[in-house]
């Protein structure tokens, strides 16, 4: 996603990890890194969903406010009265 590491960086980190941790404990370290990466991705996914939900809620609140403003400007009762007056007029 951010493309921070090149292949040279990854190989260098792998060699340093192999020397520092040792070949015996390296699989356990990789599993631990995989677990933490999975947890981080899950948290990021949850955060993204929450932010999307909040954004949609904010959009809906904005639409509700716009609808209420339109209702105040053009009340439904005046529209109903106009429709009833039109129905009462004889067609000719």
PDB file of N, CA and C in Angstrom:
ATOM      1  N   UNK A   1       0.822  -1.184   0.000  1.00  0.00           N
ATOM      2  CA  UNK A   1       0.000   0.000   0.000  1.00  0.00           C
ATOM      3  C   UNK A   1       0.871   1.254   0.000  1.00  0.00           C
ATOM      4  N   UNK A   2       1.839   1.340   0.902  1.00  0.00           N
ATOM      5  CA  UNK A   2       2.694   2.517   0.955  1.00  0.00           C
ATOM      6  C   UNK A   2       4.000   2.326   0.189  1.00  0.00           C
ATOM      7  N   UNK A   3       4.336   1.062  -0.151  1.00  0.00           N
ATOM      8  CA  UNK A   3       5.521   0.741  -0.919  1.00  0.00           C
ATOM      9  C   UNK A   3       6.776   1.341  -0.269  1.00  0.00           C
ATOM     10  N   UNK A   4       6.943   1.096   1.024  1.00  0.00           N
ATOM     11  CA  UNK A   4       8.080   1.628   1.761  1.00  0.00           C
ATOM     12  C   UNK A   4       9.325   0.778   1.517  1.00  0.00           C
ATOM     13  N   UNK A   5       9.154  -0.539   1.482  1.00  0.00           N
ATOM     14  CA  UNK A   5      10.283  -1.443   1.374  1.00  0.00           C
ATOM     15  C   UNK A   5      10.477  -1.925  -0.060  1.00  0.00           C
ATOM     16  N   UNK A   6      11.715  -1.945  -0.486  1.00  0.00           N
ATOM     17  CA  UNK A   6      12.048  -2.567  -1.765  1.00  0.00           C
ATOM     18  C   UNK A   6      12.488  -4.002  -1.469  1.00  0.00           C
ATOM     19  N   UNK A   7      12.761  -4.773  -2.506  1.00  0.00           N
ATOM     20  CA  UNK A   7      13.202  -6.148  -2.300  1.00  0.00           C
ATOM     21  C   UNK A   7      14.534  -6.189  -1.569  1.00  0.00           C
ATOM     22  N   UNK A   8      15.369  -5.195  -1.803  1.00  0.00           N
ATOM     23  CA  UNK A   8      16.660  -5.155  -1.114  1.00  0.00           C
ATOM     24  C   UNK A   8      16.468  -4.991   0.391  1.00  0.00           C
ATOM     25  N   UNK A   9      15.497  -4.155   0.765  1.00  0.00           N
ATOM     26  CA  UNK A   9      15.212  -3.969   2.186  1.00  0.00           C
ATOM     27  C   UNK A   9      14.687  -5.259   2.814  1.00  0.00           C
ATOM     28  N   UNK A  10      13.817  -5.938   2.113  1.00  0.00           N
ATOM     29  CA  UNK A  10      13.223  -7.175   2.641  1.00  0.00           C
ATOM     30  C   UNK A  10      14.295  -8.241   2.821  1.00  0.00           C
ATOM     31  N   UNK A  11      15.168  -8.394   1.838  1.00  0.00           N
ATOM     32  CA  UNK A  11      16.242  -9.390   1.932  1.00  0.00           C
ATOM     33  C   UNK A  11      17.189  -9.030   3.074  1.00  0.00           C
ATOM     34  N   UNK A  12      17.519  -7.761   3.210  1.00  0.00           N
ATOM     35  CA  UNK A  12      18.402  -7.320   4.289  1.00  0.00           C
ATOM     36  C   UNK A  12      17.775  -7.606   5.649  1.00  0.00           C
ATOM     37  N   UNK A  13      16.485  -7.296   5.796  1.00  0.00           N
ATOM     38  CA  UNK A  13      15.801  -7.584   7.065  1.00  0.00           C
ATOM     39  C   UNK A  13      15.740  -9.077   7.344  1.00  0.00           C
ATOM     40  N   UNK A  14      15.546  -9.888   6.308  1.00  0.00           N
ATOM     41  CA  UNK A  14      15.508 -11.341   6.490  1.00  0.00           C
ATOM     42  C   UNK A  14      16.858 -11.875   6.953  1.00  0.00           C
ATOM     43  N   UNK A  15      17.931 -11.375   6.371  1.00  0.00           N
ATOM     44  CA  UNK A  15      19.270 -11.814   6.779  1.00  0.00           C
ATOM     45  C   UNK A  15      19.554 -11.385   8.211  1.00  0.00           C
ATOM     46  N   UNK A  16      19.202 -10.151   8.560  1.00  0.00           N
ATOM     47  CA  UNK A  16      19.421  -9.673   9.931  1.00  0.00           C
ATOM     48  C   UNK A  16      18.603 -10.504  10.912  1.00  0.00           C
ATOM     49  N   UNK A  17      17.342 -10.809  10.566  1.00  0.00           N
ATOM     50  CA  UNK A  17      16.493 -11.626  11.439  1.00  0.00           C
ATOM     51  C   UNK A  17      17.072 -13.024  11.587  1.00  0.00           C
ATOM     52  N   UNK A  18      17.604 -13.596  10.517  1.00  0.00           N
ATOM     53  CA  UNK A  18      18.183 -14.934  10.574  1.00  0.00           C
ATOM     54  C   UNK A  18      19.404 -14.958  11.484  1.00  0.00           C
ATOM     55  N   UNK A  19      20.213 -13.917  11.391  1.00  0.00           N
ATOM     56  CA  UNK A  19      21.416 -13.853  12.227  1.00  0.00           C
ATOM     57  C   UNK A  19      21.038 -13.545  13.680  1.00  0.00           C
ATOM     58  N   UNK A  20      20.128 -12.588  13.895  1.00  0.00           N
ATOM     59  CA  UNK A  20      19.789 -12.162  15.249  1.00  0.00           C
ATOM     60  C   UNK A  20      18.974 -13.208  15.999  1.00  0.00           C
ATOM     61  N   UNK A  21      18.001 -13.794  15.342  1.00  0.00           N
ATOM     62  CA  UNK A  21      17.097 -14.732  16.009  1.00  0.00           C
ATOM     63  C   UNK A  21      17.615 -16.159  15.916  1.00  0.00           C
ATOM     64  N   UNK A  22      18.181 -16.478  14.806  1.00  0.00           N
ATOM     65  CA  UNK A  22      18.672 -17.833  14.597  1.00  0.00           C
ATOM     66  C   UNK A  22      17.674 -18.643  13.802  1.00  0.00           C
ATOM     67  N   UNK A  23      18.184 -19.635  13.094  1.00  0.00           N
ATOM     68  CA  UNK A  23      17.293 -20.423  12.220  1.00  0.00           C
ATOM     69  C   UNK A  23      16.276 -21.257  12.991  1.00  0.00           C
ATOM     70  N   UNK A  24      16.575 -21.559  14.259  1.00  0.00           N
ATOM     71  CA  UNK A  24      15.660 -22.395  15.038  1.00  0.00           C
ATOM     72  C   UNK A  24      14.386 -21.628  15.419  1.00  0.00           C
ATOM     73  N   UNK A  25      14.525 -20.359  15.791  1.00  0.00           N
ATOM     74  CA  UNK A  25      13.378 -19.571  16.256  1.00  0.00           C
ATOM     75  C   UNK A  25      12.762 -18.706  15.171  1.00  0.00           C
ATOM     76  N   UNK A  26      13.341 -18.703  13.991  1.00  0.00           N
ATOM     77  CA  UNK A  26      12.823 -17.851  12.913  1.00  0.00           C
ATOM     78  C   UNK A  26      11.393 -18.214  12.498  1.00  0.00           C
ATOM     79  N   UNK A  27      11.013 -19.484  12.361  1.00  0.00           N
ATOM     80  CA  UNK A  27       9.613 -19.790  12.014  1.00  0.00           C
ATOM     81  C   UNK A  27       8.613 -19.268  13.041  1.00  0.00           C
ATOM     82  N   UNK A  28       8.991 -19.343  14.318  1.00  0.00           N
ATOM     83  CA  UNK A  28       8.103 -18.820  15.361  1.00  0.00           C
ATOM     84  C   UNK A  28       7.967 -17.302  15.241  1.00  0.00           C
ATOM     85  N   UNK A  29       9.055 -16.624  14.926  1.00  0.00           N
ATOM     86  CA  UNK A  29       9.024 -15.182  14.741  1.00  0.00           C
ATOM     87  C   UNK A  29       8.158 -14.802  13.537  1.00  0.00           C
ATOM     88  N   UNK A  30       8.250 -15.581  12.465  1.00  0.00           N
ATOM     89  CA  UNK A  30       7.441 -15.310  11.270  1.00  0.00           C
ATOM     90  C   UNK A  30       5.963 -15.508  11.587  1.00  0.00           C
ATOM     91  N   UNK A  31       5.629 -16.561  12.329  1.00  0.00           N
ATOM     92  CA  UNK A  31       4.236 -16.792  12.715  1.00  0.00           C
ATOM     93  C   UNK A  31       3.715 -15.652  13.583  1.00  0.00           C
ATOM     94  N   UNK A  32       4.542 -15.179  14.500  1.00  0.00           N
ATOM     95  CA  UNK A  32       4.157 -14.072  15.361  1.00  0.00           C
ATOM     96  C   UNK A  32       3.938 -12.798  14.537  1.00  0.00           C
ATOM     97  N   UNK A  33       4.829 -12.543  13.585  1.00  0.00           N
ATOM     98  CA  UNK A  33       4.678 -11.369  12.712  1.00  0.00           C
ATOM     99  C   UNK A  33       3.408 -11.494  11.870  1.00  0.00           C
ATOM    100  N   UNK A  34       3.130 -12.689  11.395  1.00  0.00           N
ATOM    101  CA  UNK A  34       1.916 -12.916  10.607  1.00  0.00           C
ATOM    102  C   UNK A  34       0.670 -12.660  11.460  1.00  0.00           C
ATOM    103  N   UNK A  35       0.694 -13.116  12.697  1.00  0.00           N
ATOM    104  CA  UNK A  35      -0.444 -12.922  13.597  1.00  0.00           C
ATOM    105  C   UNK A  35      -0.683 -11.433  13.842  1.00  0.00           C
ATOM    106  N   UNK A  36       0.391 -10.685  14.156  1.00  0.00           N
ATOM    107  CA  UNK A  36       0.248  -9.256  14.420  1.00  0.00           C
ATOM    108  C   UNK A  36      -0.185  -8.494  13.172  1.00  0.00           C
ATOM    109  N   UNK A  37       0.307  -8.907  12.022  1.00  0.00           N
ATOM    110  CA  UNK A  37      -0.125  -8.277  10.767  1.00  0.00           C
ATOM    111  C   UNK A  37      -1.603  -8.518  10.528  1.00  0.00           C
ATOM    112  N   UNK A  38      -2.065  -9.740  10.793  1.00  0.00           N
ATOM    113  CA  UNK A  38      -3.478 -10.068  10.640  1.00  0.00           C
ATOM    114  C   UNK A  38      -4.340  -9.237  11.588  1.00  0.00           C
ATOM    115  N   UNK A  39      -3.894  -9.099  12.824  1.00  0.00           N
ATOM    116  CA  UNK A  39      -4.639  -8.292  13.795  1.00  0.00           C
ATOM    117  C   UNK A  39      -4.687  -6.835  13.350  1.00  0.00           C
ATOM    118  N   UNK A  40      -3.563  -6.322  12.869  1.00  0.00           N
ATOM    119  CA  UNK A  40      -3.515  -4.935  12.387  1.00  0.00           C
ATOM    120  C   UNK A  40      -4.441  -4.698  11.210  1.00  0.00           C
ATOM    121  N   UNK A  41      -4.458  -5.645  10.284  1.00  0.00           N
ATOM    122  CA  UNK A  41      -5.359  -5.511   9.130  1.00  0.00           C
ATOM    123  C   UNK A  41      -6.811  -5.564   9.560  1.00  0.00           C
ATOM    124  N   UNK A  42      -7.118  -6.440  10.512  1.00  0.00           N
ATOM    125  CA  UNK A  42      -8.489  -6.544  11.008  1.00  0.00           C
ATOM    126  C   UNK A  42      -8.920  -5.240  11.675  1.00  0.00           C
ATOM    127  N   UNK A  43      -8.039  -4.663  12.477  1.00  0.00           N
ATOM    128  CA  UNK A  43      -8.358  -3.391  13.121  1.00  0.00           C
ATOM    129  C   UNK A  43      -8.543  -2.277  12.094  1.00  0.00           C
ATOM    130  N   UNK A  44      -7.684  -2.260  11.081  1.00  0.00           N
ATOM    131  CA  UNK A  44      -7.805  -1.240  10.035  1.00  0.00           C
ATOM    132  C   UNK A  44      -9.118  -1.403   9.269  1.00  0.00           C
ATOM    133  N   UNK A  45      -9.500  -2.649   8.983  1.00  0.00           N
ATOM    134  CA  UNK A  45     -10.753  -2.918   8.281  1.00  0.00           C
ATOM    135  C   UNK A  45     -11.947  -2.462   9.117  1.00  0.00           C
ATOM    136  N   UNK A  46     -11.915  -2.753  10.414  1.00  0.00           N
ATOM    137  CA  UNK A  46     -12.992  -2.331  11.306  1.00  0.00           C
ATOM    138  C   UNK A  46     -13.079  -0.812  11.393  1.00  0.00           C
ATOM    139  N   UNK A  47     -11.933  -0.167  11.493  1.00  0.00           N
ATOM    140  CA  UNK A  47     -11.903   1.292  11.539  1.00  0.00           C
ATOM    141  C   UNK A  47     -12.460   1.885  10.253  1.00  0.00           C
ATOM    142  N   UNK A  48     -12.087   1.315   9.114  1.00  0.00           N
ATOM    143  CA  UNK A  48     -12.586   1.804   7.828  1.00  0.00           C
ATOM    144  C   UNK A  48     -14.102   1.662   7.738  1.00  0.00           C
ATOM    145  N   UNK A  49     -14.624   0.516   8.186  1.00  0.00           N
ATOM    146  CA  UNK A  49     -16.079   0.315   8.158  1.00  0.00           C
ATOM    147  C   UNK A  49     -16.793   1.312   9.067  1.00  0.00           C
ATOM    148  N   UNK A  50     -16.219   1.533  10.250  1.00  0.00           N
ATOM    149  CA  UNK A  50     -16.824   2.475  11.193  1.00  0.00           C
ATOM    150  C   UNK A  50     -16.839   3.877  10.616  1.00  0.00           C
ATOM    151  N   UNK A  51     -15.740   4.287  10.018  1.00  0.00           N
ATOM    152  CA  UNK A  51     -15.677   5.617   9.405  1.00  0.00           C
ATOM    153  C   UNK A  51     -16.651   5.731   8.239  1.00  0.00           C
ATOM    154  N   UNK A  52     -16.774   4.668   7.446  1.00  0.00           N
ATOM    155  CA  UNK A  52     -17.748   4.682   6.347  1.00  0.00           C
ATOM    156  C   UNK A  52     -19.171   4.824   6.887  1.00  0.00           C
ATOM    157  N   UNK A  53     -19.479   4.092   7.961  1.00  0.00           N
ATOM    158  CA  UNK A  53     -20.814   4.190   8.563  1.00  0.00           C
ATOM    159  C   UNK A  53     -21.073   5.600   9.078  1.00  0.00           C
ATOM    160  N   UNK A  54     -20.076   6.195   9.719  1.00  0.00           N
ATOM    161  CA  UNK A  54     -20.236   7.559  10.215  1.00  0.00           C
ATOM    162  C   UNK A  54     -20.427   8.546   9.071  1.00  0.00           C
ATOM    163  N   UNK A  55     -19.704   8.334   7.994  1.00  0.00           N
ATOM    164  CA  UNK A  55     -19.839   9.209   6.835  1.00  0.00           C
ATOM    165  C   UNK A  55     -21.237   9.101   6.243  1.00  0.00           C
ATOM    166  N   UNK A  56     -21.736   7.867   6.113  1.00  0.00           N
ATOM    167  CA  UNK A  56     -23.078   7.683   5.563  1.00  0.00           C
ATOM    168  C   UNK A  56     -24.125   8.289   6.495  1.00  0.00           C
ATOM    169  N   UNK A  57     -23.918   8.158   7.804  1.00  0.00           N
ATOM    170  CA  UNK A  57     -24.846   8.752   8.763  1.00  0.00           C
ATOM    171  C   UNK A  57     -24.839  10.267   8.637  1.00  0.00           C
ATOM    172  N   UNK A  58     -23.655  10.840   8.483  1.00  0.00           N
ATOM    173  CA  UNK A  58     -23.556  12.291   8.322  1.00  0.00           C
ATOM    174  C   UNK A  58     -24.251  12.732   7.036  1.00  0.00           C
ATOM    175  N   UNK A  59     -24.094  11.946   5.963  1.00  0.00           N
ATOM    176  CA  UNK A  59     -24.771  12.259   4.704  1.00  0.00           C
ATOM    177  C   UNK A  59     -26.288  12.211   4.884  1.00  0.00           C
ATOM    178  N   UNK A  60     -26.772  11.199   5.605  1.00  0.00           N
ATOM    179  CA  UNK A  60     -28.211  11.086   5.840  1.00  0.00           C
ATOM    180  C   UNK A  60     -28.719  12.238   6.691  1.00  0.00           C
ATOM    181  N   UNK A  61     -27.945  12.632   7.695  1.00  0.00           N
ATOM    182  CA  UNK A  61     -28.346  13.776   8.516  1.00  0.00           C
ATOM    183  C   UNK A  61     -28.430  15.043   7.677  1.00  0.00           C
ATOM    184  N   UNK A  62     -27.496  15.191   6.759  1.00  0.00           N
ATOM    185  CA  UNK A  62     -27.507  16.354   5.878  1.00  0.00           C
ATOM    186  C   UNK A  62     -28.748  16.336   4.976  1.00  0.00           C
ATOM    187  N   UNK A  63     -29.083  15.155   4.453  1.00  0.00           N
ATOM    188  CA  UNK A  63     -30.287  15.041   3.611  1.00  0.00           C
ATOM    189  C   UNK A  63     -31.554  15.316   4.417  1.00  0.00           C
ATOM    190  N   UNK A  64     -31.594  14.822   5.663  1.00  0.00           N
ATOM    191  CA  UNK A  64     -32.760  15.089   6.518  1.00  0.00           C
ATOM    192  C   UNK A  64     -32.924  16.579   6.765  1.00  0.00           C
ATOM    193  N   UNK A  65     -31.824  17.259   7.038  1.00  0.00           N
ATOM    194  CA  UNK A  65     -31.884  18.702   7.272  1.00  0.00           C
ATOM    195  C   UNK A  65     -32.369  19.428   6.021  1.00  0.00           C
ATOM    196  N   UNK A  66     -31.910  18.980   4.863  1.00  0.00           N
ATOM    197  CA  UNK A  66     -32.350  19.597   3.601  1.00  0.00           C
ATOM    198  C   UNK A  66     -33.842  19.348   3.368  1.00  0.00           C
ATOM    199  N   UNK A  67     -34.301  18.132   3.667  1.00  0.00           N
ATOM    200  CA  UNK A  67     -35.730  17.821   3.501  1.00  0.00           C
ATOM    201  C   UNK A  67     -36.576  18.660   4.461  1.00  0.00           C
ATOM    202  N   UNK A  68     -36.126  18.820   5.690  1.00  0.00           N
ATOM    203  CA  UNK A  68     -36.869  19.639   6.654  1.00  0.00           C
ATOM    204  C   UNK A  68     -36.917  21.094   6.211  1.00  0.00           C
ATOM    205  N   UNK A  69     -35.818  21.588   5.653  1.00  0.00           N
ATOM    206  CA  UNK A  69     -35.808  22.965   5.153  1.00  0.00           C
ATOM    207  C   UNK A  69     -36.805  23.119   4.003  1.00  0.00           C
ATOM    208  N   UNK A  70     -36.858  22.125   3.123  1.00  0.00           N
ATOM    209  CA  UNK A  70     -37.816  22.174   2.017  1.00  0.00           C
ATOM    210  C   UNK A  70     -39.253  22.094   2.528  1.00  0.00           C
ATOM    211  N   UNK A  71     -39.476  21.286   3.572  1.00  0.00           N
ATOM    212  CA  UNK A  71     -40.822  21.189   4.149  1.00  0.00           C
ATOM    213  C   UNK A  71     -41.250  22.515   4.760  1.00  0.00           C
ATOM    214  N   UNK A  72     -40.309  23.202   5.403  1.00  0.00           N
ATOM    215  CA  UNK A  72     -40.640  24.508   5.974  1.00  0.00           C
ATOM    216  C   UNK A  72     -40.913  25.538   4.876  1.00  0.00           C
ATOM    217  N   UNK A  73     -40.151  25.452   3.809  1.00  0.00           N
ATOM    218  CA  UNK A  73     -40.312  26.423   2.722  1.00  0.00           C
ATOM    219  C   UNK A  73     -41.587  26.143   1.932  1.00  0.00           C
ATOM    220  N   UNK A  74     -41.844  24.885   1.662  1.00  0.00           N
ATOM    221  CA  UNK A  74     -43.032  24.477   0.913  1.00  0.00           C
ATOM    222  C   UNK A  74     -43.807  23.476   1.749  1.00  0.00           C
ATOM    223  N   UNK A  75     -44.659  23.964   2.652  1.00  0.00           N
ATOM    224  CA  UNK A  75     -45.384  23.032   3.531  1.00  0.00           C
ATOM    225  C   UNK A  75     -46.309  22.119   2.734  1.00  0.00           C
ATOM    226  N   UNK A  76     -46.460  20.928   3.220  1.00  0.00           N
ATOM    227  CA  UNK A  76     -47.284  19.926   2.561  1.00  0.00           C
ATOM    228  C   UNK A  76     -48.754  20.326   2.577  1.00  0.00           C
ATOM    229  N   UNK A  77     -49.195  21.044   3.603  1.00  0.00           N
ATOM    230  CA  UNK A  77     -50.601  21.445   3.690  1.00  0.00           C
ATOM    231  C   UNK A  77     -50.974  22.374   2.540  1.00  0.00           C
ATOM    232  N   UNK A  78     -50.088  23.284   2.149  1.00  0.00           N
ATOM    233  CA  UNK A  78     -50.402  24.166   1.024  1.00  0.00           C
ATOM    234  C   UNK A  78     -50.446  23.382  -0.281  1.00  0.00           C
ATOM    235  N   UNK A  79     -49.631  22.362  -0.399  1.00  0.00           N
ATOM    236  CA  UNK A  79     -49.653  21.521  -1.590  1.00  0.00           C
ATOM    237  C   UNK A  79     -50.955  20.731  -1.650  1.00  0.00           C
ATOM    238  N   UNK A  80     -51.387  20.187  -0.513  1.00  0.00           N
ATOM    239  CA  UNK A  80     -52.639  19.444  -0.468  1.00  0.00           C
ATOM    240  C   UNK A  80     -53.817  20.359  -0.802  1.00  0.00           C
ATOM    241  N   UNK A  81     -53.786  21.591  -0.290  1.00  0.00           N
ATOM    242  CA  UNK A  81     -54.855  22.545  -0.572  1.00  0.00           C
ATOM    243  C   UNK A  81     -54.895  22.873  -2.060  1.00  0.00           C
ATOM    244  N   UNK A  82     -53.745  23.021  -2.671  1.00  0.00           N
ATOM    245  CA  UNK A  82     -53.693  23.311  -4.100  1.00  0.00           C
ATOM    246  C   UNK A  82     -54.258  22.158  -4.909  1.00  0.00           C
ATOM    247  N   UNK A  83     -53.962  20.949  -4.500  1.00  0.00           N
ATOM    248  CA  UNK A  83     -54.487  19.775  -5.211  1.00  0.00           C
ATOM    249  C   UNK A  83     -56.002  19.685  -5.031  1.00  0.00           C
ATOM    250  N   UNK A  84     -56.496  19.948  -3.828  1.00  0.00           N
ATOM    251  CA  UNK A  84     -57.934  19.889  -3.584  1.00  0.00           C
ATOM    252  C   UNK A  84     -58.666  20.984  -4.350  1.00  0.00           C
ATOM    253  N   UNK A  85     -58.092  22.186  -4.403  1.00  0.00           N
ATOM    254  CA  UNK A  85     -58.714  23.270  -5.171  1.00  0.00           C
ATOM    255  C   UNK A  85     -58.771  22.915  -6.647  1.00  0.00           C
ATOM    256  N   UNK A  86     -57.762  22.271  -7.140  1.00  0.00           N
ATOM    257  CA  UNK A  86     -57.739  21.889  -8.550  1.00  0.00           C
ATOM    258  C   UNK A  86     -58.806  20.834  -8.835  1.00  0.00           C
ATOM    259  N   UNK A  87     -58.993  19.917  -7.881  1.00  0.00           N
ATOM    260  CA  UNK A  87     -59.999  18.886  -8.052  1.00  0.00           C
ATOM    261  C   UNK A  87     -61.424  19.458  -8.007  1.00  0.00           C
ATOM    262  N   UNK A  88     -61.624  20.513  -7.255  1.00  0.00           N
ATOM    263  CA  UNK A  88     -62.947  21.096  -7.101  1.00  0.00           C
ATOM    264  C   UNK A  88     -63.366  21.902  -8.341  1.00  0.00           C
ATOM    265  N   UNK A  89     -62.364  22.443  -9.038  1.00  0.00           N
ATOM    266  CA  UNK A  89     -62.713  23.269 -10.216  1.00  0.00           C
ATOM    267  C   UNK A  89     -63.320  22.371 -11.294  1.00  0.00           C
ATOM    268  N   UNK A  90     -64.395  22.823 -11.870  1.00  0.00           N
ATOM    269  CA  UNK A  90     -64.999  22.019 -12.959  1.00  0.00           C
ATOM    270  C   UNK A  90     -64.100  22.063 -14.196  1.00  0.00           C
ATOM    271  N   UNK A  91     -64.058  20.955 -14.816  1.00  0.00           N
ATOM    272  CA  UNK A  91     -63.245  20.882 -16.036  1.00  0.00           C
ATOM    273  C   UNK A  91     -64.138  21.197 -17.208  1.00  0.00           C
ATOM    274  N   UNK A  92     -63.677  21.966 -18.061  1.00  0.00           N
ATOM    275  CA  UNK A  92     -64.568  22.343 -19.122  1.00  0.00           C
ATOM    276  C   UNK A  92     -63.982  22.585 -20.409  1.00  0.00           C
TER     277      UNK A  92
END
